[in-house]
């Protein structure tokens, strides 16, 4: 069995409106959320084999405390994951080496939210925010993948848990 964590980057700052969207840093609240998610992932005692993320500054800053806590085997940041659509995320995951058992993807909405809704088995839609709702910054959805990465398809992953940033350390938030 494989595990896939989908994490929306933590809250970014709009203090400097001259910055391009790609270059916005985390806000103070975003840094606190990133630290809470790092604690949560470290507490799950899972080795993370691969981290995939966009090249946006807020993604890197979300990852900093996580990388210090869980020390993944490999980190890959790709520009094409910046504001990626669900099809782009699926295509990228299908190209992961099969030896990777646990993968963390850190990306952006709306694509990440749409991908989470599409990836999960039908009952996952009841536990994730609806597409008309909000997959907030810092939200984490964890899926069990029972197939190979190459055969990953919409509707095939089991949602193990969903945690929103207001209480990212809640052990049973959204557990199925």
N, C-alpha and C. Protein backbone atom coordinates (compact mmCIF):
# COMPACT_ATOMS: atom_id res chain seq x y z
N UNK A 1 0.84 -1.18 0.00
CA UNK A 1 0.00 0.00 0.00
C UNK A 1 0.88 1.25 0.00
N UNK A 2 0.43 2.23 -0.72
CA UNK A 2 1.15 3.50 -0.79
C UNK A 2 0.31 4.58 -0.10
N UNK A 3 0.98 5.63 0.35
CA UNK A 3 0.31 6.75 0.99
C UNK A 3 0.62 8.02 0.21
N UNK A 4 -0.42 8.81 -0.01
CA UNK A 4 -0.27 10.09 -0.70
C UNK A 4 -0.87 11.18 0.18
N UNK A 5 -0.03 12.14 0.53
CA UNK A 5 -0.48 13.32 1.27
C UNK A 5 -0.60 14.47 0.28
N UNK A 6 -1.75 15.14 0.27
CA UNK A 6 -1.94 16.34 -0.54
C UNK A 6 -2.07 17.51 0.41
N UNK A 7 -1.13 18.43 0.34
CA UNK A 7 -1.09 19.58 1.24
C UNK A 7 -1.16 20.86 0.44
N UNK A 8 -2.13 21.69 0.78
CA UNK A 8 -2.15 23.02 0.18
C UNK A 8 -1.17 23.87 0.99
N UNK A 9 -0.36 24.64 0.31
CA UNK A 9 0.61 25.50 0.99
C UNK A 9 -0.08 26.29 2.10
N UNK A 10 0.68 26.71 3.10
CA UNK A 10 0.13 27.50 4.20
C UNK A 10 -0.18 28.92 3.72
N UNK A 11 -0.85 29.67 4.57
CA UNK A 11 -1.32 31.03 4.22
C UNK A 11 -0.16 31.95 3.87
N UNK A 12 -0.33 32.63 2.74
CA UNK A 12 0.72 33.55 2.29
C UNK A 12 0.41 34.97 2.71
N UNK A 13 1.42 35.79 2.63
CA UNK A 13 1.31 37.19 3.00
C UNK A 13 1.05 38.04 1.76
N UNK A 14 0.22 39.05 1.95
CA UNK A 14 -0.05 40.02 0.90
C UNK A 14 0.51 41.39 1.28
N UNK A 15 1.42 41.40 2.27
CA UNK A 15 1.96 42.68 2.75
C UNK A 15 2.68 43.48 1.67
N UNK A 16 3.37 42.81 0.78
CA UNK A 16 4.10 43.49 -0.28
C UNK A 16 3.38 43.23 -1.60
N UNK A 17 2.52 44.15 -1.99
CA UNK A 17 1.72 43.94 -3.20
C UNK A 17 2.53 44.05 -4.48
N UNK A 18 3.79 44.47 -4.37
CA UNK A 18 4.63 44.56 -5.57
C UNK A 18 5.18 43.19 -5.98
N UNK A 19 5.08 42.20 -5.09
CA UNK A 19 5.60 40.86 -5.41
C UNK A 19 4.70 40.13 -6.39
N UNK A 20 5.31 39.38 -7.28
CA UNK A 20 4.56 38.48 -8.14
C UNK A 20 3.94 37.39 -7.26
N UNK A 21 2.83 36.83 -7.69
CA UNK A 21 2.15 35.78 -6.92
C UNK A 21 3.10 34.64 -6.57
N UNK A 22 3.91 34.23 -7.50
CA UNK A 22 4.86 33.12 -7.32
C UNK A 22 5.85 33.40 -6.18
N UNK A 23 6.11 34.67 -5.90
CA UNK A 23 7.15 35.06 -4.96
C UNK A 23 6.65 35.46 -3.57
N UNK A 24 5.35 35.32 -3.31
CA UNK A 24 4.81 35.73 -2.01
C UNK A 24 5.27 34.78 -0.91
N UNK A 25 5.71 35.33 0.24
CA UNK A 25 6.14 34.51 1.37
C UNK A 25 4.93 34.10 2.23
N UNK A 26 5.19 33.30 3.24
CA UNK A 26 4.14 32.95 4.19
C UNK A 26 3.87 34.11 5.14
N UNK A 27 2.66 34.17 5.62
CA UNK A 27 2.31 35.11 6.69
C UNK A 27 2.72 34.49 8.02
N UNK A 28 2.59 35.25 9.10
CA UNK A 28 2.89 34.69 10.44
C UNK A 28 1.99 33.50 10.72
N UNK A 29 0.71 33.64 10.40
CA UNK A 29 -0.22 32.51 10.60
C UNK A 29 0.19 31.31 9.75
N UNK A 30 0.63 31.57 8.53
CA UNK A 30 1.07 30.50 7.65
C UNK A 30 2.27 29.75 8.22
N UNK A 31 3.21 30.48 8.81
CA UNK A 31 4.37 29.81 9.42
C UNK A 31 3.95 28.93 10.59
N UNK A 32 2.99 29.41 11.39
CA UNK A 32 2.50 28.60 12.51
C UNK A 32 1.81 27.33 12.00
N UNK A 33 1.03 27.47 10.94
CA UNK A 33 0.36 26.32 10.36
C UNK A 33 1.37 25.32 9.81
N UNK A 34 2.39 25.81 9.10
CA UNK A 34 3.43 24.92 8.55
C UNK A 34 4.12 24.14 9.67
N UNK A 35 4.39 24.80 10.77
CA UNK A 35 5.01 24.11 11.92
C UNK A 35 4.07 23.06 12.50
N UNK A 36 2.77 23.37 12.57
CA UNK A 36 1.80 22.40 13.09
C UNK A 36 1.68 21.19 12.17
N UNK A 37 1.69 21.41 10.87
CA UNK A 37 1.64 20.30 9.92
C UNK A 37 2.91 19.45 10.03
N UNK A 38 4.05 20.09 10.21
CA UNK A 38 5.31 19.35 10.40
C UNK A 38 5.22 18.45 11.62
N UNK A 39 4.70 18.97 12.71
CA UNK A 39 4.54 18.18 13.93
C UNK A 39 3.59 17.01 13.69
N UNK A 40 2.51 17.28 12.98
CA UNK A 40 1.54 16.24 12.66
C UNK A 40 2.17 15.12 11.84
N UNK A 41 2.86 15.47 10.78
CA UNK A 41 3.49 14.45 9.92
C UNK A 41 4.57 13.69 10.67
N UNK A 42 5.35 14.36 11.48
CA UNK A 42 6.38 13.68 12.26
C UNK A 42 5.75 12.75 13.28
N UNK A 43 4.61 13.16 13.84
CA UNK A 43 3.92 12.33 14.82
C UNK A 43 3.30 11.09 14.22
N UNK A 44 3.04 11.10 12.92
CA UNK A 44 2.50 9.92 12.24
C UNK A 44 3.57 8.84 12.06
N UNK A 45 4.82 9.19 12.32
CA UNK A 45 5.96 8.26 12.24
C UNK A 45 6.04 7.56 10.88
N UNK A 46 5.74 8.30 9.85
CA UNK A 46 5.87 7.76 8.50
C UNK A 46 7.12 8.33 7.85
N UNK A 47 7.82 7.50 7.18
CA UNK A 47 8.91 8.00 6.34
C UNK A 47 8.28 8.56 5.08
N UNK A 48 8.70 9.72 4.69
CA UNK A 48 8.24 10.28 3.42
C UNK A 48 9.37 10.06 2.42
N UNK A 49 9.04 9.30 1.39
CA UNK A 49 10.05 8.97 0.39
C UNK A 49 10.29 10.10 -0.59
N UNK A 50 9.22 10.82 -0.92
CA UNK A 50 9.32 11.84 -1.96
C UNK A 50 8.41 13.01 -1.61
N UNK A 51 8.94 14.20 -1.76
CA UNK A 51 8.16 15.43 -1.67
C UNK A 51 8.16 16.06 -3.06
N UNK A 52 6.96 16.31 -3.57
CA UNK A 52 6.79 17.03 -4.83
C UNK A 52 6.11 18.35 -4.51
N UNK A 53 6.64 19.43 -5.06
CA UNK A 53 6.01 20.71 -4.81
C UNK A 53 6.27 21.67 -5.94
N UNK A 54 5.51 22.74 -5.93
CA UNK A 54 5.74 23.79 -6.92
C UNK A 54 6.94 24.61 -6.47
N UNK A 55 7.40 25.46 -7.34
CA UNK A 55 8.56 26.29 -7.05
C UNK A 55 8.18 27.61 -6.36
N UNK A 56 6.91 27.80 -6.05
CA UNK A 56 6.49 29.04 -5.40
C UNK A 56 7.14 29.18 -4.03
N UNK A 57 7.48 30.41 -3.68
CA UNK A 57 8.13 30.67 -2.40
C UNK A 57 7.28 30.17 -1.23
N UNK A 58 5.96 30.35 -1.28
CA UNK A 58 5.12 29.92 -0.17
C UNK A 58 5.10 28.41 -0.01
N UNK A 59 5.33 27.67 -1.09
CA UNK A 59 5.44 26.21 -0.99
C UNK A 59 6.74 25.86 -0.28
N UNK A 60 7.84 26.46 -0.70
CA UNK A 60 9.12 26.18 -0.07
C UNK A 60 9.08 26.53 1.42
N UNK A 61 8.49 27.68 1.76
CA UNK A 61 8.43 28.07 3.17
C UNK A 61 7.48 27.17 3.97
N UNK A 62 6.47 26.62 3.33
CA UNK A 62 5.61 25.63 4.00
C UNK A 62 6.40 24.37 4.27
N UNK A 63 7.26 24.02 3.33
CA UNK A 63 8.04 22.78 3.47
C UNK A 63 9.18 22.87 4.49
N UNK A 64 9.73 24.05 4.74
CA UNK A 64 10.91 24.15 5.61
C UNK A 64 10.76 23.42 6.95
N UNK A 65 9.72 23.67 7.75
CA UNK A 65 9.62 22.94 9.02
C UNK A 65 9.30 21.46 8.82
N UNK A 66 8.61 21.14 7.74
CA UNK A 66 8.29 19.73 7.46
C UNK A 66 9.57 18.96 7.15
N UNK A 67 10.42 19.54 6.31
CA UNK A 67 11.67 18.88 5.94
C UNK A 67 12.58 18.68 7.15
N UNK A 68 12.55 19.62 8.08
CA UNK A 68 13.36 19.50 9.29
C UNK A 68 12.84 18.38 10.19
N UNK A 69 11.54 18.11 10.12
CA UNK A 69 10.93 17.10 11.00
C UNK A 69 10.95 15.69 10.43
N UNK A 70 10.63 15.56 9.15
CA UNK A 70 10.46 14.21 8.59
C UNK A 70 11.60 13.77 7.68
N UNK A 71 12.44 14.66 7.25
CA UNK A 71 13.62 14.35 6.44
C UNK A 71 13.33 13.34 5.31
N UNK A 72 12.59 13.80 4.30
CA UNK A 72 12.27 12.90 3.18
C UNK A 72 13.51 12.47 2.42
N UNK A 73 13.39 11.34 1.77
CA UNK A 73 14.51 10.81 0.98
C UNK A 73 14.81 11.68 -0.23
N UNK A 74 13.78 12.27 -0.82
CA UNK A 74 13.98 13.05 -2.06
C UNK A 74 12.99 14.21 -2.10
N UNK A 75 13.45 15.35 -2.60
CA UNK A 75 12.61 16.54 -2.74
C UNK A 75 12.73 17.03 -4.17
N UNK A 76 11.58 17.23 -4.82
CA UNK A 76 11.56 17.71 -6.20
C UNK A 76 10.58 18.87 -6.29
N UNK A 77 11.09 20.03 -6.64
CA UNK A 77 10.24 21.20 -6.87
C UNK A 77 10.20 21.47 -8.36
N UNK A 78 8.99 21.60 -8.89
CA UNK A 78 8.83 21.78 -10.33
C UNK A 78 7.91 22.96 -10.63
N UNK A 79 8.32 23.79 -11.55
CA UNK A 79 7.52 24.95 -11.94
C UNK A 79 6.14 24.54 -12.45
N UNK A 80 6.06 23.41 -13.14
CA UNK A 80 4.77 23.01 -13.72
C UNK A 80 3.74 22.63 -12.64
N UNK A 81 4.18 22.46 -11.40
CA UNK A 81 3.23 22.18 -10.32
C UNK A 81 2.67 23.46 -9.71
N UNK A 82 3.18 24.62 -10.15
CA UNK A 82 2.63 25.90 -9.71
C UNK A 82 1.28 26.09 -10.38
N UNK A 83 0.24 26.16 -9.57
CA UNK A 83 -1.13 26.32 -10.05
C UNK A 83 -1.54 25.19 -11.00
N UNK A 84 -1.03 23.99 -10.75
CA UNK A 84 -1.29 22.85 -11.63
C UNK A 84 -2.76 22.43 -11.60
N UNK A 85 -3.22 21.99 -12.73
CA UNK A 85 -4.56 21.43 -12.86
C UNK A 85 -4.53 19.97 -12.40
N UNK A 86 -5.69 19.40 -12.09
CA UNK A 86 -5.73 18.01 -11.65
C UNK A 86 -5.06 17.04 -12.63
N UNK A 87 -5.25 17.24 -13.92
CA UNK A 87 -4.64 16.33 -14.90
C UNK A 87 -3.11 16.40 -14.84
N UNK A 88 -2.56 17.56 -14.59
CA UNK A 88 -1.11 17.71 -14.47
C UNK A 88 -0.61 16.99 -13.22
N UNK A 89 -1.33 17.12 -12.12
CA UNK A 89 -0.94 16.43 -10.88
C UNK A 89 -1.01 14.91 -11.08
N UNK A 90 -2.08 14.43 -11.70
CA UNK A 90 -2.21 12.99 -11.94
C UNK A 90 -1.09 12.49 -12.84
N UNK A 91 -0.81 13.20 -13.90
CA UNK A 91 0.27 12.81 -14.81
C UNK A 91 1.60 12.74 -14.08
N UNK A 92 1.87 13.70 -13.24
CA UNK A 92 3.15 13.71 -12.51
C UNK A 92 3.24 12.54 -11.54
N UNK A 93 2.15 12.26 -10.83
CA UNK A 93 2.16 11.14 -9.90
C UNK A 93 2.32 9.80 -10.62
N UNK A 94 1.78 9.67 -11.79
CA UNK A 94 1.91 8.43 -12.56
C UNK A 94 3.35 8.17 -12.99
N UNK A 95 4.20 9.18 -12.93
CA UNK A 95 5.60 9.02 -13.32
C UNK A 95 6.53 8.80 -12.13
N UNK A 96 5.98 8.63 -10.95
CA UNK A 96 6.80 8.39 -9.75
C UNK A 96 7.35 6.97 -9.80
N UNK A 97 8.57 6.83 -9.37
CA UNK A 97 9.19 5.51 -9.25
C UNK A 97 8.37 4.66 -8.28
N UNK A 98 8.11 3.43 -8.65
CA UNK A 98 7.26 2.55 -7.84
C UNK A 98 7.86 2.22 -6.47
N UNK A 99 9.14 2.46 -6.29
CA UNK A 99 9.74 2.21 -4.97
C UNK A 99 9.31 3.24 -3.93
N UNK A 100 8.74 4.36 -4.38
CA UNK A 100 8.30 5.41 -3.47
C UNK A 100 6.97 4.99 -2.83
N UNK A 101 6.98 4.79 -1.54
CA UNK A 101 5.78 4.32 -0.84
C UNK A 101 4.93 5.45 -0.27
N UNK A 102 5.58 6.51 0.19
CA UNK A 102 4.86 7.63 0.79
C UNK A 102 5.30 8.92 0.11
N UNK A 103 4.33 9.64 -0.43
CA UNK A 103 4.61 10.85 -1.20
C UNK A 103 3.79 12.01 -0.62
N UNK A 104 4.45 13.15 -0.51
CA UNK A 104 3.80 14.39 -0.10
C UNK A 104 3.82 15.35 -1.27
N UNK A 105 2.64 15.84 -1.68
CA UNK A 105 2.54 16.84 -2.73
C UNK A 105 2.08 18.14 -2.08
N UNK A 106 2.83 19.21 -2.32
CA UNK A 106 2.47 20.54 -1.80
C UNK A 106 2.23 21.43 -3.01
N UNK A 107 0.99 21.90 -3.12
CA UNK A 107 0.65 22.68 -4.31
C UNK A 107 -0.43 23.70 -3.98
N UNK A 108 -1.21 24.07 -5.00
CA UNK A 108 -2.10 25.23 -4.93
C UNK A 108 -3.53 24.86 -5.33
N UNK A 109 -4.43 25.73 -4.93
CA UNK A 109 -5.82 25.65 -5.38
C UNK A 109 -5.98 26.50 -6.63
N UNK A 110 -6.97 26.22 -7.44
CA UNK A 110 -8.03 25.25 -7.21
C UNK A 110 -7.66 23.82 -7.61
N UNK A 111 -6.55 23.64 -8.31
CA UNK A 111 -6.20 22.32 -8.84
C UNK A 111 -6.03 21.24 -7.79
N UNK A 112 -5.41 21.57 -6.66
CA UNK A 112 -5.18 20.56 -5.62
C UNK A 112 -6.50 20.10 -5.03
N UNK A 113 -7.41 21.02 -4.77
CA UNK A 113 -8.73 20.67 -4.23
C UNK A 113 -9.49 19.80 -5.23
N UNK A 114 -9.51 20.20 -6.47
CA UNK A 114 -10.20 19.43 -7.51
C UNK A 114 -9.59 18.04 -7.64
N UNK A 115 -8.26 17.96 -7.54
CA UNK A 115 -7.59 16.67 -7.64
C UNK A 115 -7.97 15.77 -6.47
N UNK A 116 -8.00 16.31 -5.26
CA UNK A 116 -8.37 15.51 -4.09
C UNK A 116 -9.79 14.97 -4.24
N UNK A 117 -10.70 15.79 -4.70
CA UNK A 117 -12.08 15.34 -4.89
C UNK A 117 -12.17 14.26 -5.97
N UNK A 118 -11.41 14.41 -7.03
CA UNK A 118 -11.45 13.44 -8.12
C UNK A 118 -10.77 12.12 -7.75
N UNK A 119 -9.69 12.20 -6.99
CA UNK A 119 -8.89 11.02 -6.68
C UNK A 119 -9.60 10.05 -5.75
N UNK A 120 -10.31 10.58 -4.78
CA UNK A 120 -10.92 9.73 -3.76
C UNK A 120 -12.08 8.90 -4.26
N UNK A 121 -12.28 7.77 -3.57
CA UNK A 121 -13.45 6.95 -3.82
C UNK A 121 -14.69 7.81 -3.56
N UNK A 122 -15.85 7.41 -4.05
CA UNK A 122 -17.04 8.26 -3.93
C UNK A 122 -17.34 8.76 -2.51
N UNK A 123 -17.11 7.96 -1.48
CA UNK A 123 -17.42 8.41 -0.12
C UNK A 123 -16.48 9.50 0.38
N UNK A 124 -15.35 9.69 -0.28
CA UNK A 124 -14.41 10.74 0.12
C UNK A 124 -15.02 12.12 -0.07
N UNK A 125 -15.91 12.26 -1.05
CA UNK A 125 -16.54 13.55 -1.31
C UNK A 125 -17.33 14.04 -0.10
N UNK A 126 -17.82 13.12 0.73
CA UNK A 126 -18.57 13.51 1.92
C UNK A 126 -17.66 14.04 3.02
N UNK A 127 -16.37 13.73 2.96
CA UNK A 127 -15.44 14.10 4.01
C UNK A 127 -14.54 15.27 3.63
N UNK A 128 -14.46 15.56 2.36
CA UNK A 128 -13.67 16.70 1.88
C UNK A 128 -14.60 17.88 1.62
N UNK A 129 -14.08 19.10 1.69
CA UNK A 129 -14.93 20.24 1.35
C UNK A 129 -15.43 20.12 -0.09
N UNK A 130 -16.69 20.48 -0.34
CA UNK A 130 -17.20 20.41 -1.72
C UNK A 130 -16.46 21.40 -2.61
N UNK A 131 -16.53 21.19 -3.90
CA UNK A 131 -15.83 22.05 -4.84
C UNK A 131 -16.31 23.50 -4.71
N UNK A 132 -17.54 23.68 -4.29
CA UNK A 132 -18.05 25.04 -4.07
C UNK A 132 -17.56 25.60 -2.74
N UNK A 133 -16.97 24.73 -1.91
CA UNK A 133 -16.45 25.16 -0.61
C UNK A 133 -15.00 25.55 -0.73
N UNK A 134 -14.27 25.34 0.34
CA UNK A 134 -12.89 25.78 0.36
C UNK A 134 -11.98 24.70 0.91
N UNK A 135 -10.93 24.39 0.19
CA UNK A 135 -9.83 23.55 0.65
C UNK A 135 -8.80 24.56 1.14
N UNK A 136 -8.85 24.91 2.43
CA UNK A 136 -8.09 26.07 2.91
C UNK A 136 -6.59 25.89 2.84
N UNK A 137 -5.90 27.02 2.91
CA UNK A 137 -4.44 26.96 2.98
C UNK A 137 -4.07 26.13 4.20
N UNK A 138 -3.09 25.26 4.05
CA UNK A 138 -2.65 24.39 5.14
C UNK A 138 -3.46 23.13 5.30
N UNK A 139 -4.49 22.91 4.48
CA UNK A 139 -5.30 21.69 4.58
C UNK A 139 -4.49 20.49 4.07
N UNK A 140 -4.70 19.35 4.73
CA UNK A 140 -3.97 18.12 4.40
C UNK A 140 -4.96 16.98 4.21
N UNK A 141 -4.94 16.37 3.04
CA UNK A 141 -5.74 15.18 2.77
C UNK A 141 -4.78 14.02 2.57
N UNK A 142 -5.05 12.91 3.24
CA UNK A 142 -4.18 11.74 3.15
C UNK A 142 -4.97 10.58 2.55
N UNK A 143 -4.38 9.98 1.52
CA UNK A 143 -5.02 8.89 0.79
C UNK A 143 -4.17 7.62 0.85
N UNK A 144 -4.86 6.50 0.83
CA UNK A 144 -4.20 5.20 0.66
C UNK A 144 -4.35 4.83 -0.81
N UNK A 145 -3.22 4.48 -1.42
CA UNK A 145 -3.20 4.11 -2.84
C UNK A 145 -2.98 2.60 -2.89
N UNK A 146 -3.89 1.88 -3.50
CA UNK A 146 -3.80 0.42 -3.52
C UNK A 146 -3.30 -0.12 -4.86
N UNK A 147 -2.97 0.78 -5.75
CA UNK A 147 -2.48 0.37 -7.06
C UNK A 147 -1.05 0.89 -7.24
N UNK A 148 -0.51 0.74 -8.38
CA UNK A 148 0.80 1.31 -8.68
C UNK A 148 0.61 2.80 -8.98
N UNK A 149 1.68 3.55 -8.89
CA UNK A 149 1.60 4.97 -9.27
C UNK A 149 1.18 5.09 -10.73
N UNK A 150 1.72 4.24 -11.55
CA UNK A 150 1.46 4.28 -12.99
C UNK A 150 -0.03 4.07 -13.30
N UNK A 151 -0.72 3.31 -12.46
CA UNK A 151 -2.14 3.02 -12.70
C UNK A 151 -3.09 3.88 -11.86
N UNK A 152 -2.55 4.87 -11.19
CA UNK A 152 -3.38 5.75 -10.39
C UNK A 152 -4.45 6.38 -11.27
N UNK A 153 -5.67 6.40 -10.77
CA UNK A 153 -6.78 6.93 -11.57
C UNK A 153 -7.80 7.60 -10.65
N UNK A 154 -8.60 8.50 -11.20
CA UNK A 154 -9.65 9.12 -10.41
C UNK A 154 -10.57 8.06 -9.79
N UNK A 155 -11.02 8.35 -8.59
CA UNK A 155 -11.98 7.48 -7.91
C UNK A 155 -11.41 6.22 -7.31
N UNK A 156 -10.09 6.09 -7.25
CA UNK A 156 -9.50 4.82 -6.81
C UNK A 156 -8.79 4.88 -5.47
N UNK A 157 -8.63 6.04 -4.88
CA UNK A 157 -7.87 6.15 -3.64
C UNK A 157 -8.81 6.25 -2.43
N UNK A 158 -8.39 5.65 -1.33
CA UNK A 158 -9.19 5.70 -0.10
C UNK A 158 -8.71 6.86 0.76
N UNK A 159 -9.63 7.74 1.11
CA UNK A 159 -9.29 8.86 1.97
C UNK A 159 -9.09 8.35 3.39
N UNK A 160 -7.89 8.54 3.92
CA UNK A 160 -7.58 8.13 5.28
C UNK A 160 -7.86 9.24 6.29
N UNK A 161 -7.73 10.48 5.85
CA UNK A 161 -7.98 11.59 6.76
C UNK A 161 -7.91 12.92 6.06
N UNK A 162 -8.56 13.88 6.67
CA UNK A 162 -8.53 15.26 6.19
C UNK A 162 -8.41 16.15 7.42
N UNK A 163 -7.46 17.05 7.38
CA UNK A 163 -7.26 17.98 8.49
C UNK A 163 -7.20 19.40 7.94
N UNK A 164 -8.00 20.26 8.55
CA UNK A 164 -8.01 21.66 8.16
C UNK A 164 -7.03 22.43 9.04
N UNK A 165 -6.56 23.57 8.59
CA UNK A 165 -5.51 24.28 9.31
C UNK A 165 -5.91 24.84 10.68
N UNK A 166 -7.16 25.07 10.90
CA UNK A 166 -7.56 25.61 12.20
C UNK A 166 -7.19 24.66 13.32
N UNK A 167 -7.17 23.36 13.01
CA UNK A 167 -6.80 22.37 14.02
C UNK A 167 -6.06 21.23 13.33
N UNK A 168 -4.88 21.52 12.72
CA UNK A 168 -4.18 20.51 11.92
C UNK A 168 -3.72 19.31 12.72
N UNK A 169 -3.60 19.44 14.03
CA UNK A 169 -3.11 18.33 14.84
C UNK A 169 -4.23 17.46 15.38
N UNK A 170 -5.48 17.78 15.06
CA UNK A 170 -6.58 16.95 15.56
C UNK A 170 -6.43 15.55 15.00
N UNK A 171 -6.27 14.54 15.86
CA UNK A 171 -5.94 13.20 15.38
C UNK A 171 -7.02 12.56 14.54
N UNK A 172 -8.28 12.88 14.74
CA UNK A 172 -9.33 12.21 14.00
C UNK A 172 -10.11 13.13 13.09
N UNK A 173 -9.58 14.31 12.84
CA UNK A 173 -10.29 15.25 11.97
C UNK A 173 -10.45 14.65 10.59
N UNK A 174 -11.68 14.33 10.25
CA UNK A 174 -11.94 13.80 8.91
C UNK A 174 -11.51 12.37 8.72
N UNK A 175 -11.19 11.66 9.77
CA UNK A 175 -10.78 10.25 9.60
C UNK A 175 -11.96 9.41 9.17
N UNK A 176 -11.67 8.45 8.35
CA UNK A 176 -12.71 7.51 7.92
C UNK A 176 -12.48 6.17 8.57
